[in-house]
């Protein structure tokens, strides 16, 4: 299975990265719809597209306004955007207000079911995360592998979500801050490096990839992952257009 990291930065794009968007092309599944969503077009190989939203902050949903181009001259059986109903209502009312974006793109909005069976039989589930306004994490389980996506939350080894990601082969986890920014991380609902490594170790995951990076940091060396390899060795920084096989 191939996972594409199409957008790996938080808050706003910079010259190296676009905001949150992950894609499983073989399944026609996208996780979050940040500014990188326009890249979905070049990887769309299915006649269905299901977009799962963690929450409705703009850096995770603004790409929904790009859907006319993503779907241009594509014959699709269905295009669905899944999310919590209050978040979908906010998107419809505000993002697609007639004063901002007057024409709703050709997709259906669906309240997120507790379990969603994907086209290859894998099962997607979600769990709540602590973040201003609320957010969700996603886990996908196949018979022989699993992955989780955790963004926009403050990592902690006593966080409720830890048990939801236990034992996954691949964990994609936000890391907006390096160490020494604990107070700011708590205030904004984001994570610091060491705490993310500790979560991965305690949850006994296989691999850890960091996303939702700080857009003000243009040098990956500022996020010193070598300093936490003693806590969790198999860690890397996600980059836009990175392909992960798992």
C-alpha atoms as a PDB file:
ATOM      1  CA  UNK A   1       0.000   0.000   0.000  1.00  0.00           C
ATOM      2  CA  UNK A   2       1.264   3.471  -0.918  1.00  0.00           C
ATOM      3  CA  UNK A   3       0.648   6.582   1.179  1.00  0.00           C
ATOM      4  CA  UNK A   4       1.418   9.988  -0.334  1.00  0.00           C
ATOM      5  CA  UNK A   5       2.196  12.945   1.886  1.00  0.00           C
ATOM      6  CA  UNK A   6       0.911  15.722  -0.341  1.00  0.00           C
ATOM      7  CA  UNK A   7       0.981  18.478   2.285  1.00  0.00           C
ATOM      8  CA  UNK A   8       3.050  18.430   5.472  1.00  0.00           C
ATOM      9  CA  UNK A   9       2.954  21.900   7.025  1.00  0.00           C
ATOM     10  CA  UNK A  10       0.491  23.545   9.390  1.00  0.00           C
ATOM     11  CA  UNK A  11      -1.301  26.906   9.445  1.00  0.00           C
ATOM     12  CA  UNK A  12      -0.148  28.247   6.086  1.00  0.00           C
ATOM     13  CA  UNK A  13       1.967  27.032   3.140  1.00  0.00           C
ATOM     14  CA  UNK A  14       5.536  28.129   2.705  1.00  0.00           C
ATOM     15  CA  UNK A  15       7.996  27.844  -0.171  1.00  0.00           C
ATOM     16  CA  UNK A  16       8.680  24.164   0.605  1.00  0.00           C
ATOM     17  CA  UNK A  17       5.398  22.745   1.840  1.00  0.00           C
ATOM     18  CA  UNK A  18       1.613  22.934   1.512  1.00  0.00           C
ATOM     19  CA  UNK A  19      -0.875  22.374   4.312  1.00  0.00           C
ATOM     20  CA  UNK A  20      -2.332  19.073   5.444  1.00  0.00           C
ATOM     21  CA  UNK A  21      -3.275  16.465   2.873  1.00  0.00           C
ATOM     22  CA  UNK A  22      -2.504  12.725   2.712  1.00  0.00           C
ATOM     23  CA  UNK A  23      -3.621  10.296   0.006  1.00  0.00           C
ATOM     24  CA  UNK A  24      -3.989   6.551  -0.477  1.00  0.00           C
ATOM     25  CA  UNK A  25      -4.300   6.516  -4.294  1.00  0.00           C
ATOM     26  CA  UNK A  26      -5.184   2.837  -4.602  1.00  0.00           C
ATOM     27  CA  UNK A  27      -8.231   3.406  -2.419  1.00  0.00           C
ATOM     28  CA  UNK A  28      -9.258   6.852  -3.632  1.00  0.00           C
ATOM     29  CA  UNK A  29      -8.938   8.064  -0.032  1.00  0.00           C
ATOM     30  CA  UNK A  30      -7.697  11.470   1.094  1.00  0.00           C
ATOM     31  CA  UNK A  31      -7.124  12.554   4.688  1.00  0.00           C
ATOM     32  CA  UNK A  32      -7.611  16.307   5.122  1.00  0.00           C
ATOM     33  CA  UNK A  33      -8.023  18.912   2.413  1.00  0.00           C
ATOM     34  CA  UNK A  34      -5.390  21.575   2.929  1.00  0.00           C
ATOM     35  CA  UNK A  35      -3.716  23.647   0.240  1.00  0.00           C
ATOM     36  CA  UNK A  36      -2.028  20.518  -1.159  1.00  0.00           C
ATOM     37  CA  UNK A  37      -5.359  19.084  -2.309  1.00  0.00           C
ATOM     38  CA  UNK A  38      -4.751  20.323  -5.849  1.00  0.00           C
ATOM     39  CA  UNK A  39      -2.083  17.597  -6.094  1.00  0.00           C
ATOM     40  CA  UNK A  40      -4.736  14.902  -5.782  1.00  0.00           C
ATOM     41  CA  UNK A  41      -5.595  15.317  -9.460  1.00  0.00           C
ATOM     42  CA  UNK A  42      -2.297  13.873 -10.694  1.00  0.00           C
ATOM     43  CA  UNK A  43      -2.631  10.822  -8.433  1.00  0.00           C
ATOM     44  CA  UNK A  44      -6.338  10.071  -8.874  1.00  0.00           C
ATOM     45  CA  UNK A  45      -6.592   6.568 -10.337  1.00  0.00           C
ATOM     46  CA  UNK A  46     -10.001   5.498  -9.007  1.00  0.00           C
ATOM     47  CA  UNK A  47     -13.528   6.438 -10.032  1.00  0.00           C
ATOM     48  CA  UNK A  48     -14.400   7.240  -6.422  1.00  0.00           C
ATOM     49  CA  UNK A  49     -12.945   9.794  -4.050  1.00  0.00           C
ATOM     50  CA  UNK A  50     -13.539   9.920  -0.310  1.00  0.00           C
ATOM     51  CA  UNK A  51     -12.096  12.823   1.682  1.00  0.00           C
ATOM     52  CA  UNK A  52     -11.994  12.434   5.468  1.00  0.00           C
ATOM     53  CA  UNK A  53     -11.625  15.642   7.476  1.00  0.00           C
ATOM     54  CA  UNK A  54     -10.029  15.762  10.906  1.00  0.00           C
ATOM     55  CA  UNK A  55     -11.633  19.144  11.609  1.00  0.00           C
ATOM     56  CA  UNK A  56     -12.663  22.352   9.882  1.00  0.00           C
ATOM     57  CA  UNK A  57      -9.772  24.728  10.485  1.00  0.00           C
ATOM     58  CA  UNK A  58      -8.861  26.454   7.245  1.00  0.00           C
ATOM     59  CA  UNK A  59      -5.454  24.826   6.803  1.00  0.00           C
ATOM     60  CA  UNK A  60      -7.273  21.468   6.658  1.00  0.00           C
ATOM     61  CA  UNK A  61     -10.279  22.361   4.460  1.00  0.00           C
ATOM     62  CA  UNK A  62      -9.380  25.257   2.145  1.00  0.00           C
ATOM     63  CA  UNK A  63      -8.492  22.768  -0.611  1.00  0.00           C
ATOM     64  CA  UNK A  64     -12.156  21.841  -0.953  1.00  0.00           C
ATOM     65  CA  UNK A  65     -12.453  25.012  -2.995  1.00  0.00           C
ATOM     66  CA  UNK A  66      -9.996  23.494  -5.504  1.00  0.00           C
ATOM     67  CA  UNK A  67     -12.247  20.541  -6.339  1.00  0.00           C
ATOM     68  CA  UNK A  68     -13.440  21.848  -9.693  1.00  0.00           C
ATOM     69  CA  UNK A  69      -9.887  21.536 -10.995  1.00  0.00           C
ATOM     70  CA  UNK A  70      -9.200  18.237  -9.206  1.00  0.00           C
ATOM     71  CA  UNK A  71     -12.234  16.676 -10.865  1.00  0.00           C
ATOM     72  CA  UNK A  72     -11.998  18.419 -14.241  1.00  0.00           C
ATOM     73  CA  UNK A  73     -13.058  16.004 -17.043  1.00  0.00           C
ATOM     74  CA  UNK A  74     -13.143  13.065 -14.606  1.00  0.00           C
ATOM     75  CA  UNK A  75     -16.005  10.574 -14.680  1.00  0.00           C
ATOM     76  CA  UNK A  76     -16.591   9.744 -11.029  1.00  0.00           C
ATOM     77  CA  UNK A  77     -19.055   7.334  -9.438  1.00  0.00           C
ATOM     78  CA  UNK A  78     -19.014   9.345  -6.257  1.00  0.00           C
ATOM     79  CA  UNK A  79     -17.069  12.087  -4.506  1.00  0.00           C
ATOM     80  CA  UNK A  80     -17.755  12.353  -0.778  1.00  0.00           C
ATOM     81  CA  UNK A  81     -16.462  14.561   2.015  1.00  0.00           C
ATOM     82  CA  UNK A  82     -16.746  12.924   5.427  1.00  0.00           C
ATOM     83  CA  UNK A  83     -16.622  14.824   8.713  1.00  0.00           C
ATOM     84  CA  UNK A  84     -18.422  15.556  11.931  1.00  0.00           C
ATOM     85  CA  UNK A  85     -21.786  17.140  11.146  1.00  0.00           C
ATOM     86  CA  UNK A  86     -21.139  20.475  12.917  1.00  0.00           C
ATOM     87  CA  UNK A  87     -17.888  20.836  10.979  1.00  0.00           C
ATOM     88  CA  UNK A  88     -19.597  20.056   7.676  1.00  0.00           C
ATOM     89  CA  UNK A  89     -22.297  22.595   8.506  1.00  0.00           C
ATOM     90  CA  UNK A  90     -19.641  25.228   9.187  1.00  0.00           C
ATOM     91  CA  UNK A  91     -17.897  24.481   5.893  1.00  0.00           C
ATOM     92  CA  UNK A  92     -21.121  24.718   3.934  1.00  0.00           C
ATOM     93  CA  UNK A  93     -22.245  27.912   5.677  1.00  0.00           C
ATOM     94  CA  UNK A  94     -18.958  29.792   5.793  1.00  0.00           C
ATOM     95  CA  UNK A  95     -16.370  28.443   3.351  1.00  0.00           C
ATOM     96  CA  UNK A  96     -19.035  28.118   0.660  1.00  0.00           C
ATOM     97  CA  UNK A  97     -20.900  31.275   1.566  1.00  0.00           C
ATOM     98  CA  UNK A  98     -22.156  33.044  -1.537  1.00  0.00           C
ATOM     99  CA  UNK A  99     -19.894  35.937  -0.570  1.00  0.00           C
ATOM    100  CA  UNK A 100     -16.755  33.767  -0.485  1.00  0.00           C
ATOM    101  CA  UNK A 101     -17.234  30.853  -2.885  1.00  0.00           C
ATOM    102  CA  UNK A 102     -20.742  30.904  -4.357  1.00  0.00           C
ATOM    103  CA  UNK A 103     -20.822  27.530  -6.147  1.00  0.00           C
ATOM    104  CA  UNK A 104     -20.588  24.285  -4.222  1.00  0.00           C
ATOM    105  CA  UNK A 105     -18.189  21.875  -5.982  1.00  0.00           C
ATOM    106  CA  UNK A 106     -19.534  18.504  -7.149  1.00  0.00           C
ATOM    107  CA  UNK A 107     -19.215  16.468  -3.976  1.00  0.00           C
ATOM    108  CA  UNK A 108     -21.546  15.110  -1.334  1.00  0.00           C
ATOM    109  CA  UNK A 109     -21.018  15.871   2.341  1.00  0.00           C
ATOM    110  CA  UNK A 110     -21.609  12.933   4.682  1.00  0.00           C
ATOM    111  CA  UNK A 111     -21.573  12.719   8.467  1.00  0.00           C
ATOM    112  CA  UNK A 112     -18.644  10.541   9.467  1.00  0.00           C
ATOM    113  CA  UNK A 113     -19.704   6.995  10.355  1.00  0.00           C
ATOM    114  CA  UNK A 114     -18.097   5.252  13.325  1.00  0.00           C
ATOM    115  CA  UNK A 115     -16.596   2.704  10.925  1.00  0.00           C
ATOM    116  CA  UNK A 116     -16.085   3.065   7.192  1.00  0.00           C
ATOM    117  CA  UNK A 117     -15.209   0.087   5.017  1.00  0.00           C
ATOM    118  CA  UNK A 118     -12.921   1.158   2.202  1.00  0.00           C
ATOM    119  CA  UNK A 119     -12.883  -0.282  -1.307  1.00  0.00           C
ATOM    120  CA  UNK A 120     -10.300  -2.997  -0.494  1.00  0.00           C
ATOM    121  CA  UNK A 121     -12.035  -4.058   2.714  1.00  0.00           C
ATOM    122  CA  UNK A 122      -9.858  -2.016   5.084  1.00  0.00           C
ATOM    123  CA  UNK A 123     -11.702  -0.362   7.961  1.00  0.00           C
ATOM    124  CA  UNK A 124     -11.299   3.304   8.856  1.00  0.00           C
ATOM    125  CA  UNK A 125     -12.201   4.402  12.377  1.00  0.00           C
ATOM    126  CA  UNK A 126     -11.828   7.716  14.150  1.00  0.00           C
ATOM    127  CA  UNK A 127     -11.248   8.980  17.667  1.00  0.00           C
ATOM    128  CA  UNK A 128     -11.424  12.389  19.373  1.00  0.00           C
ATOM    129  CA  UNK A 129      -8.383  14.574  19.907  1.00  0.00           C
ATOM    130  CA  UNK A 130      -7.906  17.526  22.236  1.00  0.00           C
ATOM    131  CA  UNK A 131      -7.674  20.685  20.133  1.00  0.00           C
ATOM    132  CA  UNK A 132      -9.421  24.087  20.105  1.00  0.00           C
ATOM    133  CA  UNK A 133     -12.724  23.458  18.371  1.00  0.00           C
ATOM    134  CA  UNK A 134     -12.140  19.701  18.444  1.00  0.00           C
ATOM    135  CA  UNK A 135     -10.322  17.387  16.043  1.00  0.00           C
ATOM    136  CA  UNK A 136     -10.265  13.720  15.078  1.00  0.00           C
ATOM    137  CA  UNK A 137      -7.575  11.137  14.548  1.00  0.00           C
ATOM    138  CA  UNK A 138      -7.943   8.316  12.017  1.00  0.00           C
ATOM    139  CA  UNK A 139      -6.853   4.692  12.089  1.00  0.00           C
ATOM    140  CA  UNK A 140      -7.028   2.311   9.119  1.00  0.00           C
ATOM    141  CA  UNK A 141      -6.729  -1.437   9.608  1.00  0.00           C
ATOM    142  CA  UNK A 142      -6.100  -4.083   6.989  1.00  0.00           C
ATOM    143  CA  UNK A 143      -5.714  -7.800   7.720  1.00  0.00           C
ATOM    144  CA  UNK A 144      -1.921  -7.533   7.652  1.00  0.00           C
ATOM    145  CA  UNK A 145      -1.070  -3.870   8.356  1.00  0.00           C
ATOM    146  CA  UNK A 146      -2.336  -0.659   9.930  1.00  0.00           C
ATOM    147  CA  UNK A 147      -1.732   3.072  10.020  1.00  0.00           C
ATOM    148  CA  UNK A 148      -2.881   6.074  12.024  1.00  0.00           C
ATOM    149  CA  UNK A 149      -3.024   9.800  11.358  1.00  0.00           C
ATOM    150  CA  UNK A 150      -2.933  12.127  14.353  1.00  0.00           C
ATOM    151  CA  UNK A 151      -2.841  15.865  13.789  1.00  0.00           C
ATOM    152  CA  UNK A 152      -3.763  19.024  15.672  1.00  0.00           C
ATOM    153  CA  UNK A 153      -3.427  17.805  19.229  1.00  0.00           C
ATOM    154  CA  UNK A 154      -0.965  17.999  22.095  1.00  0.00           C
ATOM    155  CA  UNK A 155       1.034  14.790  22.364  1.00  0.00           C
ATOM    156  CA  UNK A 156       1.226  13.234  25.810  1.00  0.00           C
ATOM    157  CA  UNK A 157       1.800   9.700  27.058  1.00  0.00           C
ATOM    158  CA  UNK A 158      -1.371   9.966  29.139  1.00  0.00           C
ATOM    159  CA  UNK A 159      -3.524  11.223  26.248  1.00  0.00           C
ATOM    160  CA  UNK A 160      -6.693   9.215  25.646  1.00  0.00           C
ATOM    161  CA  UNK A 161      -5.862   8.637  21.989  1.00  0.00           C
ATOM    162  CA  UNK A 162      -2.730   6.609  22.762  1.00  0.00           C
ATOM    163  CA  UNK A 163      -4.683   3.372  23.040  1.00  0.00           C
ATOM    164  CA  UNK A 164      -6.405   4.087  19.724  1.00  0.00           C
ATOM    165  CA  UNK A 165      -3.089   4.036  17.859  1.00  0.00           C
ATOM    166  CA  UNK A 166      -1.458   1.190  19.754  1.00  0.00           C
ATOM    167  CA  UNK A 167       0.549  -1.188  17.589  1.00  0.00           C
ATOM    168  CA  UNK A 168       0.015   0.489  14.213  1.00  0.00           C
ATOM    169  CA  UNK A 169       2.707  -0.185  11.635  1.00  0.00           C
ATOM    170  CA  UNK A 170       2.843   3.446  10.536  1.00  0.00           C
ATOM    171  CA  UNK A 171       2.024   6.535  12.610  1.00  0.00           C
ATOM    172  CA  UNK A 172       1.737   9.922  10.919  1.00  0.00           C
ATOM    173  CA  UNK A 173       1.781  12.421  13.765  1.00  0.00           C
ATOM    174  CA  UNK A 174       1.860  16.179  13.904  1.00  0.00           C
ATOM    175  CA  UNK A 175       4.929  17.931  15.343  1.00  0.00           C
ATOM    176  CA  UNK A 176       4.451  21.653  15.062  1.00  0.00           C
ATOM    177  CA  UNK A 177       7.073  22.560  17.636  1.00  0.00           C
ATOM    178  CA  UNK A 178      10.535  21.532  18.637  1.00  0.00           C
ATOM    179  CA  UNK A 179      11.296  21.056  22.309  1.00  0.00           C
ATOM    180  CA  UNK A 180      11.116  23.982  24.705  1.00  0.00           C
ATOM    181  CA  UNK A 181       7.727  25.200  23.407  1.00  0.00           C
ATOM    182  CA  UNK A 182       5.496  23.246  25.800  1.00  0.00           C
ATOM    183  CA  UNK A 183       3.422  26.229  26.908  1.00  0.00           C
ATOM    184  CA  UNK A 184       2.755  27.325  23.332  1.00  0.00           C
ATOM    185  CA  UNK A 185       1.917  23.762  22.325  1.00  0.00           C
ATOM    186  CA  UNK A 186      -0.656  23.477  25.107  1.00  0.00           C
ATOM    187  CA  UNK A 187      -2.136  26.863  24.219  1.00  0.00           C
ATOM    188  CA  UNK A 188      -2.532  26.117  20.517  1.00  0.00           C
ATOM    189  CA  UNK A 189      -3.336  22.392  20.698  1.00  0.00           C
ATOM    190  CA  UNK A 190      -0.166  21.210  18.987  1.00  0.00           C
ATOM    191  CA  UNK A 191       2.794  18.957  19.818  1.00  0.00           C
ATOM    192  CA  UNK A 192       6.487  19.127  20.706  1.00  0.00           C
ATOM    193  CA  UNK A 193       9.086  16.704  19.386  1.00  0.00           C
ATOM    194  CA  UNK A 194      10.032  14.690  22.473  1.00  0.00           C
ATOM    195  CA  UNK A 195       6.394  14.198  23.461  1.00  0.00           C
ATOM    196  CA  UNK A 196       5.578  12.776  20.016  1.00  0.00           C
ATOM    197  CA  UNK A 197       8.500  10.339  20.223  1.00  0.00           C
ATOM    198  CA  UNK A 198       7.369   9.267  23.684  1.00  0.00           C
ATOM    199  CA  UNK A 199       3.833   8.626  22.414  1.00  0.00           C
ATOM    200  CA  UNK A 200       5.160   6.500  19.542  1.00  0.00           C
ATOM    201  CA  UNK A 201       7.321   4.471  21.920  1.00  0.00           C
ATOM    202  CA  UNK A 202       4.599   3.926  24.496  1.00  0.00           C
ATOM    203  CA  UNK A 203       2.054   2.971  21.818  1.00  0.00           C
ATOM    204  CA  UNK A 204       4.534   0.474  20.338  1.00  0.00           C
ATOM    205  CA  UNK A 205       4.099   1.676  16.773  1.00  0.00           C
ATOM    206  CA  UNK A 206       6.346   0.533  13.940  1.00  0.00           C
ATOM    207  CA  UNK A 207       7.367   3.760  12.190  1.00  0.00           C
ATOM    208  CA  UNK A 208       6.844   7.446  12.936  1.00  0.00           C
ATOM    209  CA  UNK A 209       6.626  10.230  10.358  1.00  0.00           C
ATOM    210  CA  UNK A 210       6.235  13.853  11.447  1.00  0.00           C
ATOM    211  CA  UNK A 211       3.867  16.251   9.671  1.00  0.00           C
ATOM    212  CA  UNK A 212       2.040  19.533  10.355  1.00  0.00           C
ATOM    213  CA  UNK A 213       5.386  21.234  10.785  1.00  0.00           C
ATOM    214  CA  UNK A 214       5.821  24.874  11.714  1.00  0.00           C
ATOM    215  CA  UNK A 215       5.669  26.965   8.505  1.00  0.00           C
ATOM    216  CA  UNK A 216       8.011  29.544  10.039  1.00  0.00           C
ATOM    217  CA  UNK A 217      10.804  26.956  10.167  1.00  0.00           C
ATOM    218  CA  UNK A 218      12.322  26.477   6.729  1.00  0.00           C
ATOM    219  CA  UNK A 219      15.191  24.269   7.908  1.00  0.00           C
ATOM    220  CA  UNK A 220      14.359  20.695   8.981  1.00  0.00           C
ATOM    221  CA  UNK A 221      17.503  20.628  11.112  1.00  0.00           C
ATOM    222  CA  UNK A 222      15.727  22.938  13.547  1.00  0.00           C
ATOM    223  CA  UNK A 223      13.570  19.916  14.398  1.00  0.00           C
ATOM    224  CA  UNK A 224      16.390  17.800  15.832  1.00  0.00           C
ATOM    225  CA  UNK A 225      15.033  14.274  15.389  1.00  0.00           C
ATOM    226  CA  UNK A 226      18.428  12.753  16.163  1.00  0.00           C
ATOM    227  CA  UNK A 227      17.968  13.960  19.722  1.00  0.00           C
ATOM    228  CA  UNK A 228      14.954  11.659  20.223  1.00  0.00           C
ATOM    229  CA  UNK A 229      16.132   8.515  18.418  1.00  0.00           C
ATOM    230  CA  UNK A 230      17.059   7.063  21.798  1.00  0.00           C
ATOM    231  CA  UNK A 231      13.353   7.291  22.650  1.00  0.00           C
ATOM    232  CA  UNK A 232      12.022   6.126  19.274  1.00  0.00           C
ATOM    233  CA  UNK A 233      14.569   5.163  16.596  1.00  0.00           C
ATOM    234  CA  UNK A 234      12.427   4.806  13.449  1.00  0.00           C
ATOM    235  CA  UNK A 235      11.480   8.450  13.007  1.00  0.00           C
ATOM    236  CA  UNK A 236      11.640  10.781  10.016  1.00  0.00           C
ATOM    237  CA  UNK A 237      10.378  14.176   8.966  1.00  0.00           C
ATOM    238  CA  UNK A 238       7.684  14.116   6.314  1.00  0.00           C
ATOM    239  CA  UNK A 239       8.169  16.156   3.166  1.00  0.00           C
ATOM    240  CA  UNK A 240       5.704  17.116   0.461  1.00  0.00           C
ATOM    241  CA  UNK A 241       5.224  14.411  -2.203  1.00  0.00           C
ATOM    242  CA  UNK A 242       6.963  11.781  -0.072  1.00  0.00           C
ATOM    243  CA  UNK A 243       5.775   8.255  -0.946  1.00  0.00           C
ATOM    244  CA  UNK A 244       5.606   5.763   1.895  1.00  0.00           C
ATOM    245  CA  UNK A 245       5.137   2.038   1.311  1.00  0.00           C
ATOM    246  CA  UNK A 246       3.804  -0.023   4.172  1.00  0.00           C
END
